Amino acid sequence: MIIALRTATPVCELSLRHDDAWIDRDYEAGRTLARTLLSRINDVAEGDLSKITGIVAYAGPGSYTGLRIGLTVVNTLASSMKVPIVGVSGDDWREEGLRRLLANEDDVIVMPVYGGEPHITTPRK
């Protein structure tokens, strides 16, 4: 089972590769991404994370916080479960990631691509 994750926007794109097709399990994560993501991945894996054989992660660009949370979760899963993970960008990110996994590629860790400097507000005091 291959999962694909994109957390660069408020809508979390979570997909499962099954029978040569992607099954989407997208949801509006908003500000609950850190609390809900792992349980959503577990639901997609039908309660058995050991079924996951590879991970495709959207590396960016996108939301600083969303990318940071999503990539932390899937990097940790890939490392602890010893499954390959690939980071990709672009409109066809899932298909490119699938191609890379099928070619036995493994980034080991996916680093975020923010697309620019983070916008950090100046403290008022």
N, C-alpha and C. Protein backbone atom coordinates (compact mmCIF):
# COMPACT_ATOMS: atom_id res chain seq x y z
N MET A 1 0.83 -1.16 0.00
CA MET A 1 0.00 0.00 0.00
C MET A 1 0.89 1.24 0.00
N ILE A 2 0.62 2.11 -0.93
CA ILE A 2 1.36 3.37 -1.02
C ILE A 2 0.41 4.49 -0.63
N ILE A 3 0.87 5.39 0.22
CA ILE A 3 0.07 6.55 0.55
C ILE A 3 0.76 7.79 0.01
N ALA A 4 -0.05 8.80 -0.29
CA ALA A 4 0.46 10.08 -0.78
C ALA A 4 -0.15 11.17 0.08
N LEU A 5 0.66 12.16 0.44
CA LEU A 5 0.21 13.21 1.34
C LEU A 5 0.66 14.58 0.85
N ARG A 6 -0.30 15.52 0.86
CA ARG A 6 0.00 16.93 0.55
C ARG A 6 -0.69 17.78 1.62
N THR A 7 0.11 18.49 2.39
CA THR A 7 -0.42 19.33 3.47
C THR A 7 -0.05 20.80 3.28
N ALA A 8 0.10 21.22 2.04
CA ALA A 8 0.53 22.57 1.74
C ALA A 8 -0.59 23.59 1.77
N THR A 9 -1.84 23.14 1.91
CA THR A 9 -3.01 24.02 1.94
C THR A 9 -3.91 23.58 3.10
N PRO A 10 -4.95 24.37 3.42
CA PRO A 10 -5.85 23.96 4.50
C PRO A 10 -6.57 22.64 4.23
N VAL A 11 -6.71 22.24 2.96
CA VAL A 11 -7.28 20.94 2.63
C VAL A 11 -6.14 19.93 2.55
N CYS A 12 -6.17 18.96 3.43
CA CYS A 12 -5.14 17.92 3.46
C CYS A 12 -5.48 16.88 2.39
N GLU A 13 -4.58 16.69 1.45
CA GLU A 13 -4.78 15.69 0.40
C GLU A 13 -4.09 14.40 0.83
N LEU A 14 -4.88 13.39 1.14
CA LEU A 14 -4.37 12.10 1.58
C LEU A 14 -4.94 11.05 0.64
N SER A 15 -4.06 10.29 0.00
CA SER A 15 -4.50 9.31 -0.99
C SER A 15 -3.85 7.96 -0.73
N LEU A 16 -4.54 6.95 -1.19
CA LEU A 16 -4.10 5.57 -1.09
C LEU A 16 -4.05 4.99 -2.50
N ARG A 17 -2.97 4.30 -2.83
CA ARG A 17 -2.86 3.65 -4.15
C ARG A 17 -3.42 2.24 -4.02
N HIS A 18 -4.50 1.96 -4.78
CA HIS A 18 -5.16 0.66 -4.70
C HIS A 18 -5.64 0.28 -6.10
N ASP A 19 -5.32 -0.95 -6.53
CA ASP A 19 -5.73 -1.45 -7.85
C ASP A 19 -5.40 -0.48 -8.98
N ASP A 20 -4.17 0.00 -9.00
CA ASP A 20 -3.69 0.90 -10.04
C ASP A 20 -4.44 2.22 -10.13
N ALA A 21 -5.05 2.65 -9.06
CA ALA A 21 -5.73 3.94 -9.03
C ALA A 21 -5.56 4.58 -7.66
N TRP A 22 -5.62 5.89 -7.63
CA TRP A 22 -5.55 6.62 -6.37
C TRP A 22 -6.94 6.75 -5.79
N ILE A 23 -7.09 6.46 -4.51
CA ILE A 23 -8.33 6.67 -3.78
C ILE A 23 -8.09 7.84 -2.86
N ASP A 24 -8.82 8.93 -3.07
CA ASP A 24 -8.61 10.15 -2.30
C ASP A 24 -9.39 10.15 -1.01
N ARG A 25 -8.74 10.61 0.04
CA ARG A 25 -9.36 10.77 1.36
C ARG A 25 -9.06 12.18 1.88
N ASP A 26 -9.26 13.18 1.01
CA ASP A 26 -8.99 14.56 1.36
C ASP A 26 -9.93 15.03 2.46
N TYR A 27 -9.43 15.95 3.29
CA TYR A 27 -10.28 16.53 4.32
C TYR A 27 -9.81 17.93 4.67
N GLU A 28 -10.75 18.74 5.16
CA GLU A 28 -10.46 20.11 5.58
C GLU A 28 -9.80 20.04 6.95
N ALA A 29 -8.48 20.19 6.97
CA ALA A 29 -7.75 20.07 8.23
C ALA A 29 -7.73 21.38 9.00
N GLY A 30 -7.63 22.48 8.27
CA GLY A 30 -7.57 23.78 8.94
C GLY A 30 -6.49 23.80 9.99
N ARG A 31 -6.85 24.20 11.19
CA ARG A 31 -5.89 24.32 12.28
C ARG A 31 -5.79 23.05 13.13
N THR A 32 -6.39 21.94 12.65
CA THR A 32 -6.36 20.70 13.42
C THR A 32 -5.40 19.67 12.83
N LEU A 33 -4.61 20.06 11.85
CA LEU A 33 -3.75 19.12 11.14
C LEU A 33 -2.86 18.31 12.09
N ALA A 34 -2.21 18.97 13.02
CA ALA A 34 -1.29 18.26 13.93
C ALA A 34 -2.03 17.23 14.79
N ARG A 35 -3.29 17.51 15.13
CA ARG A 35 -4.06 16.58 15.97
C ARG A 35 -4.69 15.45 15.17
N THR A 36 -4.99 15.67 13.89
CA THR A 36 -5.79 14.70 13.14
C THR A 36 -5.02 13.86 12.13
N LEU A 37 -3.85 14.31 11.71
CA LEU A 37 -3.18 13.67 10.58
C LEU A 37 -2.84 12.20 10.80
N LEU A 38 -2.21 11.87 11.89
CA LEU A 38 -1.82 10.48 12.10
C LEU A 38 -3.03 9.55 12.16
N SER A 39 -4.10 9.98 12.81
CA SER A 39 -5.30 9.12 12.87
C SER A 39 -5.93 8.98 11.49
N ARG A 40 -5.87 10.01 10.65
CA ARG A 40 -6.39 9.91 9.29
C ARG A 40 -5.56 8.94 8.45
N ILE A 41 -4.24 8.99 8.61
CA ILE A 41 -3.38 8.05 7.91
C ILE A 41 -3.69 6.63 8.38
N ASN A 42 -3.87 6.45 9.67
CA ASN A 42 -4.21 5.13 10.22
C ASN A 42 -5.54 4.63 9.66
N ASP A 43 -6.52 5.53 9.51
CA ASP A 43 -7.80 5.15 8.92
C ASP A 43 -7.64 4.69 7.47
N VAL A 44 -6.83 5.42 6.69
CA VAL A 44 -6.59 5.05 5.30
C VAL A 44 -5.92 3.68 5.22
N ALA A 45 -5.05 3.40 6.19
CA ALA A 45 -4.34 2.10 6.23
C ALA A 45 -5.19 1.03 6.91
N GLU A 46 -6.48 1.31 7.09
CA GLU A 46 -7.43 0.37 7.68
C GLU A 46 -6.98 -0.12 9.06
N GLY A 47 -6.41 0.79 9.84
CA GLY A 47 -6.01 0.47 11.20
C GLY A 47 -4.72 -0.32 11.32
N ASP A 48 -4.02 -0.51 10.22
CA ASP A 48 -2.78 -1.30 10.25
C ASP A 48 -1.70 -0.58 9.46
N LEU A 49 -0.94 0.27 10.14
CA LEU A 49 0.11 1.04 9.47
C LEU A 49 1.17 0.16 8.82
N SER A 50 1.29 -1.09 9.27
CA SER A 50 2.30 -1.98 8.69
C SER A 50 1.97 -2.35 7.24
N LYS A 51 0.78 -2.03 6.77
CA LYS A 51 0.41 -2.27 5.37
C LYS A 51 1.08 -1.27 4.42
N ILE A 52 1.58 -0.17 4.97
CA ILE A 52 2.19 0.88 4.14
C ILE A 52 3.55 0.39 3.64
N THR A 53 3.73 0.41 2.32
CA THR A 53 4.98 -0.05 1.71
C THR A 53 5.78 1.10 1.10
N GLY A 54 5.19 2.27 1.00
CA GLY A 54 5.89 3.43 0.45
C GLY A 54 5.08 4.69 0.67
N ILE A 55 5.78 5.83 0.69
CA ILE A 55 5.13 7.11 0.94
C ILE A 55 5.58 8.13 -0.09
N VAL A 56 4.60 8.82 -0.67
CA VAL A 56 4.85 9.94 -1.57
C VAL A 56 4.46 11.19 -0.80
N ALA A 57 5.40 12.11 -0.66
CA ALA A 57 5.14 13.34 0.11
C ALA A 57 5.32 14.55 -0.79
N TYR A 58 4.32 15.43 -0.78
CA TYR A 58 4.43 16.70 -1.48
C TYR A 58 5.37 17.58 -0.67
N ALA A 59 6.47 18.01 -1.27
CA ALA A 59 7.50 18.75 -0.54
C ALA A 59 7.29 20.26 -0.56
N GLY A 60 6.43 20.75 -1.43
CA GLY A 60 6.18 22.19 -1.49
C GLY A 60 6.25 22.69 -2.91
N PRO A 61 6.07 23.96 -3.09
CA PRO A 61 5.91 25.00 -2.08
C PRO A 61 4.52 25.00 -1.48
N GLY A 62 4.40 25.74 -0.38
CA GLY A 62 3.11 25.84 0.29
C GLY A 62 3.25 26.39 1.69
N SER A 63 2.22 26.16 2.47
CA SER A 63 2.15 26.66 3.84
C SER A 63 3.32 26.15 4.68
N TYR A 64 4.00 27.07 5.34
CA TYR A 64 5.14 26.72 6.19
C TYR A 64 4.72 25.72 7.26
N THR A 65 3.67 26.03 7.98
CA THR A 65 3.23 25.16 9.08
C THR A 65 2.68 23.85 8.56
N GLY A 66 1.87 23.90 7.51
CA GLY A 66 1.30 22.68 6.94
C GLY A 66 2.36 21.72 6.44
N LEU A 67 3.33 22.24 5.71
CA LEU A 67 4.42 21.39 5.21
C LEU A 67 5.23 20.82 6.36
N ARG A 68 5.52 21.64 7.33
CA ARG A 68 6.33 21.20 8.47
C ARG A 68 5.64 20.07 9.22
N ILE A 69 4.35 20.21 9.49
CA ILE A 69 3.61 19.17 10.21
C ILE A 69 3.52 17.89 9.37
N GLY A 70 3.09 18.02 8.13
CA GLY A 70 2.91 16.85 7.28
C GLY A 70 4.19 16.08 7.04
N LEU A 71 5.26 16.80 6.73
CA LEU A 71 6.53 16.11 6.47
C LEU A 71 7.13 15.50 7.73
N THR A 72 6.91 16.12 8.87
CA THR A 72 7.39 15.52 10.12
C THR A 72 6.71 14.18 10.36
N VAL A 73 5.41 14.12 10.15
CA VAL A 73 4.66 12.88 10.37
C VAL A 73 5.10 11.79 9.40
N VAL A 74 5.15 12.10 8.09
CA VAL A 74 5.50 11.03 7.13
C VAL A 74 6.98 10.66 7.18
N ASN A 75 7.86 11.60 7.48
CA ASN A 75 9.27 11.25 7.65
C ASN A 75 9.44 10.31 8.83
N THR A 76 8.71 10.58 9.92
CA THR A 76 8.79 9.73 11.11
C THR A 76 8.24 8.34 10.81
N LEU A 77 7.10 8.27 10.11
CA LEU A 77 6.53 6.98 9.73
C LEU A 77 7.51 6.18 8.87
N ALA A 78 8.04 6.82 7.84
CA ALA A 78 8.96 6.13 6.92
C ALA A 78 10.18 5.61 7.66
N SER A 79 10.73 6.42 8.54
CA SER A 79 11.92 6.01 9.28
C SER A 79 11.62 4.87 10.24
N SER A 80 10.56 5.00 11.01
CA SER A 80 10.25 3.98 12.01
C SER A 80 9.80 2.67 11.39
N MET A 81 9.13 2.75 10.23
CA MET A 81 8.63 1.53 9.57
C MET A 81 9.61 1.00 8.53
N LYS A 82 10.68 1.75 8.28
CA LYS A 82 11.69 1.36 7.30
C LYS A 82 11.08 1.14 5.92
N VAL A 83 10.28 2.13 5.46
CA VAL A 83 9.71 2.10 4.12
C VAL A 83 10.25 3.30 3.34
N PRO A 84 10.33 3.19 2.03
CA PRO A 84 10.84 4.30 1.23
C PRO A 84 9.88 5.49 1.22
N ILE A 85 10.47 6.66 1.14
CA ILE A 85 9.71 7.90 1.04
C ILE A 85 10.35 8.76 -0.03
N VAL A 86 9.53 9.39 -0.86
CA VAL A 86 10.05 10.31 -1.87
C VAL A 86 9.31 11.63 -1.76
N GLY A 87 10.04 12.71 -1.95
CA GLY A 87 9.47 14.05 -1.93
C GLY A 87 9.39 14.59 -3.34
N VAL A 88 8.25 15.15 -3.68
CA VAL A 88 8.02 15.67 -5.03
C VAL A 88 7.25 16.98 -4.97
N SER A 89 7.29 17.71 -6.07
CA SER A 89 6.55 18.95 -6.23
C SER A 89 5.87 18.95 -7.59
N GLY A 90 5.09 19.98 -7.87
CA GLY A 90 4.46 20.11 -9.17
C GLY A 90 3.04 19.58 -9.19
N ASP A 91 2.37 19.81 -10.32
CA ASP A 91 0.96 19.44 -10.45
C ASP A 91 0.74 17.93 -10.47
N ASP A 92 1.68 17.18 -11.03
CA ASP A 92 1.53 15.72 -11.11
C ASP A 92 2.36 15.03 -10.03
N TRP A 93 2.36 15.60 -8.84
CA TRP A 93 3.22 15.14 -7.74
C TRP A 93 2.96 13.69 -7.37
N ARG A 94 1.72 13.25 -7.36
CA ARG A 94 1.45 11.85 -6.98
C ARG A 94 2.00 10.87 -8.00
N GLU A 95 1.78 11.15 -9.27
CA GLU A 95 2.27 10.24 -10.31
C GLU A 95 3.80 10.23 -10.38
N GLU A 96 4.41 11.39 -10.22
CA GLU A 96 5.87 11.46 -10.20
C GLU A 96 6.43 10.70 -9.00
N GLY A 97 5.80 10.86 -7.85
CA GLY A 97 6.24 10.13 -6.66
C GLY A 97 6.07 8.63 -6.83
N LEU A 98 4.96 8.21 -7.41
CA LEU A 98 4.73 6.79 -7.67
C LEU A 98 5.80 6.24 -8.61
N ARG A 99 6.11 6.99 -9.66
CA ARG A 99 7.15 6.57 -10.60
C ARG A 99 8.47 6.39 -9.88
N ARG A 100 8.81 7.32 -9.00
CA ARG A 100 10.07 7.23 -8.27
C ARG A 100 10.09 6.04 -7.31
N LEU A 101 8.98 5.79 -6.63
CA LEU A 101 8.93 4.63 -5.73
C LEU A 101 9.06 3.33 -6.51
N LEU A 102 8.38 3.23 -7.65
CA LEU A 102 8.45 2.02 -8.46
C LEU A 102 9.84 1.81 -9.06
N ALA A 103 10.63 2.90 -9.16
CA ALA A 103 12.02 2.82 -9.62
C ALA A 103 12.97 2.58 -8.45
N ASN A 104 12.42 2.22 -7.30
CA ASN A 104 13.19 1.92 -6.09
C ASN A 104 13.99 3.10 -5.56
N GLU A 105 13.49 4.31 -5.78
CA GLU A 105 14.13 5.49 -5.22
C GLU A 105 13.66 5.68 -3.78
N ASP A 106 14.50 6.29 -2.97
CA ASP A 106 14.18 6.56 -1.57
C ASP A 106 14.97 7.79 -1.14
N ASP A 107 14.27 8.86 -0.79
CA ASP A 107 14.94 10.08 -0.33
C ASP A 107 15.38 9.96 1.14
N VAL A 108 14.92 8.95 1.83
CA VAL A 108 15.18 8.69 3.25
C VAL A 108 14.51 9.75 4.12
N ILE A 109 14.71 11.01 3.81
CA ILE A 109 14.04 12.11 4.51
C ILE A 109 13.68 13.16 3.48
N VAL A 110 12.48 13.70 3.60
CA VAL A 110 12.01 14.73 2.67
C VAL A 110 12.08 16.08 3.38
N MET A 111 12.79 17.00 2.76
CA MET A 111 12.90 18.35 3.30
C MET A 111 11.88 19.25 2.60
N PRO A 112 11.28 20.20 3.33
CA PRO A 112 10.27 21.07 2.72
C PRO A 112 10.88 22.09 1.77
N VAL A 113 10.10 22.43 0.75
CA VAL A 113 10.44 23.49 -0.19
C VAL A 113 9.37 24.56 -0.02
N TYR A 114 9.69 25.63 0.68
CA TYR A 114 8.68 26.63 1.02
C TYR A 114 8.36 27.59 -0.12
N GLY A 115 9.24 27.75 -1.06
CA GLY A 115 8.98 28.65 -2.17
C GLY A 115 9.30 30.10 -1.85
N GLY A 116 9.94 30.36 -0.73
CA GLY A 116 10.30 31.71 -0.34
C GLY A 116 10.60 31.74 1.15
N GLU A 117 10.96 32.90 1.62
CA GLU A 117 11.24 33.06 3.04
C GLU A 117 9.93 33.05 3.82
N PRO A 118 9.94 32.47 5.03
CA PRO A 118 8.71 32.49 5.83
C PRO A 118 8.39 33.92 6.25
N HIS A 119 7.10 34.21 6.34
CA HIS A 119 6.65 35.53 6.78
C HIS A 119 6.50 35.50 8.30
N ILE A 120 7.46 36.10 8.98
CA ILE A 120 7.47 36.10 10.44
C ILE A 120 7.14 37.51 10.91
N THR A 121 6.11 37.61 11.72
CA THR A 121 5.71 38.93 12.20
C THR A 121 6.68 39.42 13.27
N THR A 122 6.89 40.71 13.29
CA THR A 122 7.78 41.35 14.26
C THR A 122 7.06 41.47 15.60
N PRO A 123 7.71 41.07 16.70
CA PRO A 123 7.06 41.23 18.01
C PRO A 123 6.74 42.69 18.27
N ARG A 124 5.63 42.93 18.94
CA ARG A 124 5.18 44.30 19.21
C ARG A 124 5.94 44.93 20.38
N LYS A 125 6.51 44.14 21.23
CA LYS A 125 7.22 44.70 22.39
C LYS A 125 8.68 44.46 22.28
